[in-house]
Amino acid sequence: MKKPLQFEFTVQKENNTIIIKREFDAPLQQVWRAWSTPGLLDKWWGPRPWKAETKSMDFSNGGRWHYSMNGPEGEKHWAYADYIKIVPEKSIYARDAFSDENGTVNTKMPQNFWEIEFSETGSHTLLDMLLTFDSPEDLETNLTMGFREGFTQGLEQLDELLAKQK
């Protein structure tokens, strides 16, 4: 019997952070490609039945991923990640925000800083993620909007994508 993959989701309200540890049954290079390739990101990023659609992506230090989340009723919500520092197959540091179609930040919505560390554990890959919010209100808004459930569903879709690539 297979051992369950590690998944931890911890909210630390005292310092406006979310800590996520997630293991994938796939080699590091494959998981890295799923985070760094627009066509692959679009297949798993976000909860069902929503679909991500990349408008543009420059996966490099100082680059940006600008995308929309498209809902089943025709809804479209824009967001972006500004890549601050990328160390290939090791880490991604990015600033995440909601935006409009032109990439202008929506200051009424929460923003946060992502630190994602990739490590290999045998045939598995472990991601250690730290999300830091600007304020307790931003953290609470993000959680109220269903981030935990939505991101968990996205990671499950990543599991499915990685399994299909074996």
C-alpha atoms as a PDB file:
ATOM      1  CA  MET A   1       0.000   0.000   0.000  1.00  0.00           C
ATOM      2  CA  LYS A   2       1.272   3.449  -0.936  1.00  0.00           C
ATOM      3  CA  LYS A   3       2.030   5.942   1.785  1.00  0.00           C
ATOM      4  CA  PRO A   4      -0.195   9.070   1.483  1.00  0.00           C
ATOM      5  CA  LEU A   5       1.506  12.132   0.045  1.00  0.00           C
ATOM      6  CA  GLN A   6       2.343  14.875   2.514  1.00  0.00           C
ATOM      7  CA  PHE A   7      -0.036  17.839   2.638  1.00  0.00           C
ATOM      8  CA  GLU A   8      -0.052  20.465   5.357  1.00  0.00           C
ATOM      9  CA  PHE A   9      -1.891  23.795   5.277  1.00  0.00           C
ATOM     10  CA  THR A  10      -1.215  26.047   8.257  1.00  0.00           C
ATOM     11  CA  VAL A  11      -2.572  29.549   8.796  1.00  0.00           C
ATOM     12  CA  GLN A  12      -0.534  31.734  11.144  1.00  0.00           C
ATOM     13  CA  LYS A  13      -2.730  34.757  11.748  1.00  0.00           C
ATOM     14  CA  GLU A  14      -0.239  36.298  14.175  1.00  0.00           C
ATOM     15  CA  ASN A  15       2.204  36.965  11.313  1.00  0.00           C
ATOM     16  CA  ASN A  16      -0.187  37.076   8.301  1.00  0.00           C
ATOM     17  CA  THR A  17       1.124  33.886   6.716  1.00  0.00           C
ATOM     18  CA  ILE A  18       0.013  30.611   5.229  1.00  0.00           C
ATOM     19  CA  ILE A  19       2.452  27.707   5.204  1.00  0.00           C
ATOM     20  CA  ILE A  20       1.816  24.893   2.744  1.00  0.00           C
ATOM     21  CA  LYS A  21       3.841  21.702   2.443  1.00  0.00           C
ATOM     22  CA  ARG A  22       2.850  19.495  -0.478  1.00  0.00           C
ATOM     23  CA  GLU A  23       4.441  16.322  -1.823  1.00  0.00           C
ATOM     24  CA  PHE A  24       4.011  15.092  -5.400  1.00  0.00           C
ATOM     25  CA  ASP A  25       4.608  11.615  -6.786  1.00  0.00           C
ATOM     26  CA  ALA A  26       6.776  12.923  -9.617  1.00  0.00           C
ATOM     27  CA  PRO A  27      10.388  13.927 -10.209  1.00  0.00           C
ATOM     28  CA  LEU A  28      11.413  17.493  -9.469  1.00  0.00           C
ATOM     29  CA  GLN A  29      11.977  18.411 -13.142  1.00  0.00           C
ATOM     30  CA  GLN A  30       8.410  17.436 -14.009  1.00  0.00           C
ATOM     31  CA  VAL A  31       6.899  19.429 -11.129  1.00  0.00           C
ATOM     32  CA  TRP A  32       9.123  22.418 -11.995  1.00  0.00           C
ATOM     33  CA  ARG A  33       7.891  22.370 -15.612  1.00  0.00           C
ATOM     34  CA  ALA A  34       4.279  22.401 -14.374  1.00  0.00           C
ATOM     35  CA  TRP A  35       5.003  25.619 -12.429  1.00  0.00           C
ATOM     36  CA  SER A  36       7.106  27.287 -15.122  1.00  0.00           C
ATOM     37  CA  THR A  37       5.340  26.479 -18.411  1.00  0.00           C
ATOM     38  CA  PRO A  38       2.208  28.488 -19.312  1.00  0.00           C
ATOM     39  CA  GLY A  39       0.424  25.662 -21.149  1.00  0.00           C
ATOM     40  CA  LEU A  40       0.904  23.357 -18.169  1.00  0.00           C
ATOM     41  CA  LEU A  41       0.016  25.969 -15.541  1.00  0.00           C
ATOM     42  CA  ASP A  42      -3.257  26.616 -17.348  1.00  0.00           C
ATOM     43  CA  LYS A  43      -4.173  22.927 -16.967  1.00  0.00           C
ATOM     44  CA  TRP A  44      -4.048  22.842 -13.189  1.00  0.00           C
ATOM     45  CA  TRP A  45      -3.984  26.340 -11.662  1.00  0.00           C
ATOM     46  CA  GLY A  46      -7.256  27.054  -9.864  1.00  0.00           C
ATOM     47  CA  PRO A  47     -10.296  25.091  -8.734  1.00  0.00           C
ATOM     48  CA  ARG A  48     -12.677  23.203 -10.979  1.00  0.00           C
ATOM     49  CA  PRO A  49     -14.678  24.231 -12.937  1.00  0.00           C
ATOM     50  CA  TRP A  50     -12.589  27.416 -13.276  1.00  0.00           C
ATOM     51  CA  LYS A  51      -9.789  27.486 -15.856  1.00  0.00           C
ATOM     52  CA  ALA A  52      -6.638  29.583 -15.912  1.00  0.00           C
ATOM     53  CA  GLU A  53      -5.691  31.233 -19.190  1.00  0.00           C
ATOM     54  CA  THR A  54      -2.275  32.794 -19.597  1.00  0.00           C
ATOM     55  CA  LYS A  55      -2.237  36.152 -21.366  1.00  0.00           C
ATOM     56  CA  SER A  56       1.544  36.496 -21.104  1.00  0.00           C
ATOM     57  CA  MET A  57       4.389  34.912 -19.189  1.00  0.00           C
ATOM     58  CA  ASP A  58       8.030  35.793 -18.769  1.00  0.00           C
ATOM     59  CA  PHE A  59       9.335  33.172 -16.344  1.00  0.00           C
ATOM     60  CA  SER A  60      12.547  34.935 -15.365  1.00  0.00           C
ATOM     61  CA  ASN A  61      13.861  37.191 -12.620  1.00  0.00           C
ATOM     62  CA  GLY A  62      11.848  40.409 -12.948  1.00  0.00           C
ATOM     63  CA  GLY A  63       9.324  38.738 -15.284  1.00  0.00           C
ATOM     64  CA  ARG A  64       5.574  38.414 -14.914  1.00  0.00           C
ATOM     65  CA  TRP A  65       2.828  35.859 -15.381  1.00  0.00           C
ATOM     66  CA  HIS A  66      -0.425  37.654 -16.304  1.00  0.00           C
ATOM     67  CA  TYR A  67      -3.478  35.424 -16.472  1.00  0.00           C
ATOM     68  CA  SER A  68      -7.228  35.242 -16.077  1.00  0.00           C
ATOM     69  CA  MET A  69      -9.346  32.824 -14.121  1.00  0.00           C
ATOM     70  CA  ASN A  70     -12.376  31.954 -16.236  1.00  0.00           C
ATOM     71  CA  GLY A  71     -15.550  30.698 -14.613  1.00  0.00           C
ATOM     72  CA  PRO A  72     -18.277  28.402 -15.894  1.00  0.00           C
ATOM     73  CA  GLU A  73     -20.749  31.301 -16.268  1.00  0.00           C
ATOM     74  CA  GLY A  74     -18.366  33.414 -18.344  1.00  0.00           C
ATOM     75  CA  GLU A  75     -16.782  35.207 -15.371  1.00  0.00           C
ATOM     76  CA  LYS A  76     -13.237  36.436 -15.862  1.00  0.00           C
ATOM     77  CA  HIS A  77     -10.975  37.554 -13.025  1.00  0.00           C
ATOM     78  CA  TRP A  78      -7.459  38.808 -13.767  1.00  0.00           C
ATOM     79  CA  ALA A  79      -4.315  38.331 -11.706  1.00  0.00           C
ATOM     80  CA  TYR A  80      -0.560  38.287 -12.024  1.00  0.00           C
ATOM     81  CA  ALA A  81       2.598  37.088 -10.355  1.00  0.00           C
ATOM     82  CA  ASP A  82       5.700  39.277 -10.516  1.00  0.00           C
ATOM     83  CA  TYR A  83       8.731  36.978 -10.387  1.00  0.00           C
ATOM     84  CA  ILE A  84      11.257  38.530  -8.036  1.00  0.00           C
ATOM     85  CA  LYS A  85      13.770  35.697  -7.942  1.00  0.00           C
ATOM     86  CA  ILE A  86      13.850  32.308  -9.632  1.00  0.00           C
ATOM     87  CA  VAL A  87      16.513  29.690  -8.972  1.00  0.00           C
ATOM     88  CA  PRO A  88      15.886  26.927 -11.552  1.00  0.00           C
ATOM     89  CA  GLU A  89      14.518  23.743 -10.006  1.00  0.00           C
ATOM     90  CA  LYS A  90      15.083  25.198  -6.509  1.00  0.00           C
ATOM     91  CA  SER A  91      12.822  28.176  -5.751  1.00  0.00           C
ATOM     92  CA  ILE A  92      10.384  30.813  -6.929  1.00  0.00           C
ATOM     93  CA  TYR A  93       9.864  34.129  -5.135  1.00  0.00           C
ATOM     94  CA  ALA A  94       6.954  36.158  -6.447  1.00  0.00           C
ATOM     95  CA  ARG A  95       4.507  38.925  -5.609  1.00  0.00           C
ATOM     96  CA  ASP A  96       0.906  37.949  -6.351  1.00  0.00           C
ATOM     97  CA  ALA A  97      -2.012  40.332  -6.917  1.00  0.00           C
ATOM     98  CA  PHE A  98      -5.385  40.677  -8.554  1.00  0.00           C
ATOM     99  CA  SER A  99      -5.382  42.988 -11.540  1.00  0.00           C
ATOM    100  CA  ASP A 100      -7.341  44.115 -14.541  1.00  0.00           C
ATOM    101  CA  GLU A 101      -6.919  42.887 -18.113  1.00  0.00           C
ATOM    102  CA  ASN A 102      -3.998  45.305 -18.596  1.00  0.00           C
ATOM    103  CA  GLY A 103      -2.137  44.087 -15.504  1.00  0.00           C
ATOM    104  CA  THR A 104      -2.912  47.119 -13.314  1.00  0.00           C
ATOM    105  CA  VAL A 105      -3.108  45.996  -9.691  1.00  0.00           C
ATOM    106  CA  ASN A 106      -6.500  45.985  -7.981  1.00  0.00           C
ATOM    107  CA  THR A 107      -5.607  47.627  -4.653  1.00  0.00           C
ATOM    108  CA  LYS A 108      -8.991  46.673  -3.139  1.00  0.00           C
ATOM    109  CA  MET A 109      -8.047  42.987  -3.264  1.00  0.00           C
ATOM    110  CA  PRO A 110      -5.415  41.144  -1.202  1.00  0.00           C
ATOM    111  CA  GLN A 111      -1.816  40.888  -2.325  1.00  0.00           C
ATOM    112  CA  ASN A 112       0.842  38.551  -1.022  1.00  0.00           C
ATOM    113  CA  PHE A 113       4.411  37.373  -1.383  1.00  0.00           C
ATOM    114  CA  TRP A 114       5.084  33.731  -2.315  1.00  0.00           C
ATOM    115  CA  GLU A 115       8.232  31.811  -1.393  1.00  0.00           C
ATOM    116  CA  ILE A 116       8.200  28.353  -2.979  1.00  0.00           C
ATOM    117  CA  GLU A 117      11.035  25.914  -2.329  1.00  0.00           C
ATOM    118  CA  PHE A 118      11.347  22.706  -4.394  1.00  0.00           C
ATOM    119  CA  SER A 119      13.199  19.635  -3.114  1.00  0.00           C
ATOM    120  CA  GLU A 120      13.479  16.046  -4.236  1.00  0.00           C
ATOM    121  CA  THR A 121      12.811  13.171  -1.851  1.00  0.00           C
ATOM    122  CA  GLY A 122      13.608  10.000  -3.769  1.00  0.00           C
ATOM    123  CA  SER A 123      11.090   9.756  -6.611  1.00  0.00           C
ATOM    124  CA  HIS A 124       8.901  12.454  -5.033  1.00  0.00           C
ATOM    125  CA  THR A 125       9.059  16.236  -5.015  1.00  0.00           C
ATOM    126  CA  LEU A 126       8.280  18.326  -1.950  1.00  0.00           C
ATOM    127  CA  LEU A 127       7.158  21.949  -2.164  1.00  0.00           C
ATOM    128  CA  ASP A 128       7.500  24.204   0.866  1.00  0.00           C
ATOM    129  CA  MET A 129       5.427  27.343   0.336  1.00  0.00           C
ATOM    130  CA  LEU A 130       5.219  30.438   2.485  1.00  0.00           C
ATOM    131  CA  LEU A 131       2.623  33.062   1.596  1.00  0.00           C
ATOM    132  CA  THR A 132       2.976  36.363   3.418  1.00  0.00           C
ATOM    133  CA  PHE A 133       0.155  38.899   3.312  1.00  0.00           C
ATOM    134  CA  ASP A 134       0.418  42.656   3.729  1.00  0.00           C
ATOM    135  CA  SER A 135      -2.149  42.759   6.534  1.00  0.00           C
ATOM    136  CA  PRO A 136      -4.389  40.581   8.694  1.00  0.00           C
ATOM    137  CA  GLU A 137      -7.328  41.843   6.626  1.00  0.00           C
ATOM    138  CA  ASP A 138      -5.703  40.654   3.375  1.00  0.00           C
ATOM    139  CA  LEU A 139      -5.078  37.221   4.884  1.00  0.00           C
ATOM    140  CA  GLU A 140      -8.660  36.984   6.138  1.00  0.00           C
ATOM    141  CA  THR A 141     -10.118  38.143   2.800  1.00  0.00           C
ATOM    142  CA  ASN A 142      -8.041  35.536   0.971  1.00  0.00           C
ATOM    143  CA  LEU A 143      -9.250  32.761   3.274  1.00  0.00           C
ATOM    144  CA  THR A 144     -12.882  33.935   3.104  1.00  0.00           C
ATOM    145  CA  MET A 145     -12.695  33.858  -0.702  1.00  0.00           C
ATOM    146  CA  GLY A 146     -11.936  30.133  -0.442  1.00  0.00           C
ATOM    147  CA  PHE A 147      -8.183  30.096  -1.051  1.00  0.00           C
ATOM    148  CA  ARG A 148      -7.602  26.939   0.990  1.00  0.00           C
ATOM    149  CA  GLU A 149     -10.246  24.947  -0.864  1.00  0.00           C
ATOM    150  CA  GLY A 150      -9.402  26.389  -4.281  1.00  0.00           C
ATOM    151  CA  PHE A 151      -5.646  25.960  -3.995  1.00  0.00           C
ATOM    152  CA  THR A 152      -6.101  22.430  -2.633  1.00  0.00           C
ATOM    153  CA  GLN A 153      -8.224  21.578  -5.687  1.00  0.00           C
ATOM    154  CA  GLY A 154      -5.594  23.083  -7.980  1.00  0.00           C
ATOM    155  CA  LEU A 155      -2.873  20.967  -6.375  1.00  0.00           C
ATOM    156  CA  GLU A 156      -5.059  17.882  -6.839  1.00  0.00           C
ATOM    157  CA  GLN A 157      -5.360  18.783 -10.524  1.00  0.00           C
ATOM    158  CA  LEU A 158      -1.564  19.062 -10.622  1.00  0.00           C
ATOM    159  CA  ASP A 159      -1.420  15.509  -9.213  1.00  0.00           C
ATOM    160  CA  GLU A 160      -3.660  14.364 -12.084  1.00  0.00           C
ATOM    161  CA  LEU A 161      -1.572  16.177 -14.701  1.00  0.00           C
ATOM    162  CA  LEU A 162       1.670  14.693 -13.354  1.00  0.00           C
ATOM    163  CA  ALA A 163       0.161  11.190 -13.323  1.00  0.00           C
ATOM    164  CA  LYS A 164      -0.855  11.539 -16.995  1.00  0.00           C
ATOM    165  CA  GLN A 165       2.718  12.523 -17.897  1.00  0.00           C
ATOM    166  CA  LYS A 166       4.254   9.347 -16.452  1.00  0.00           C
END
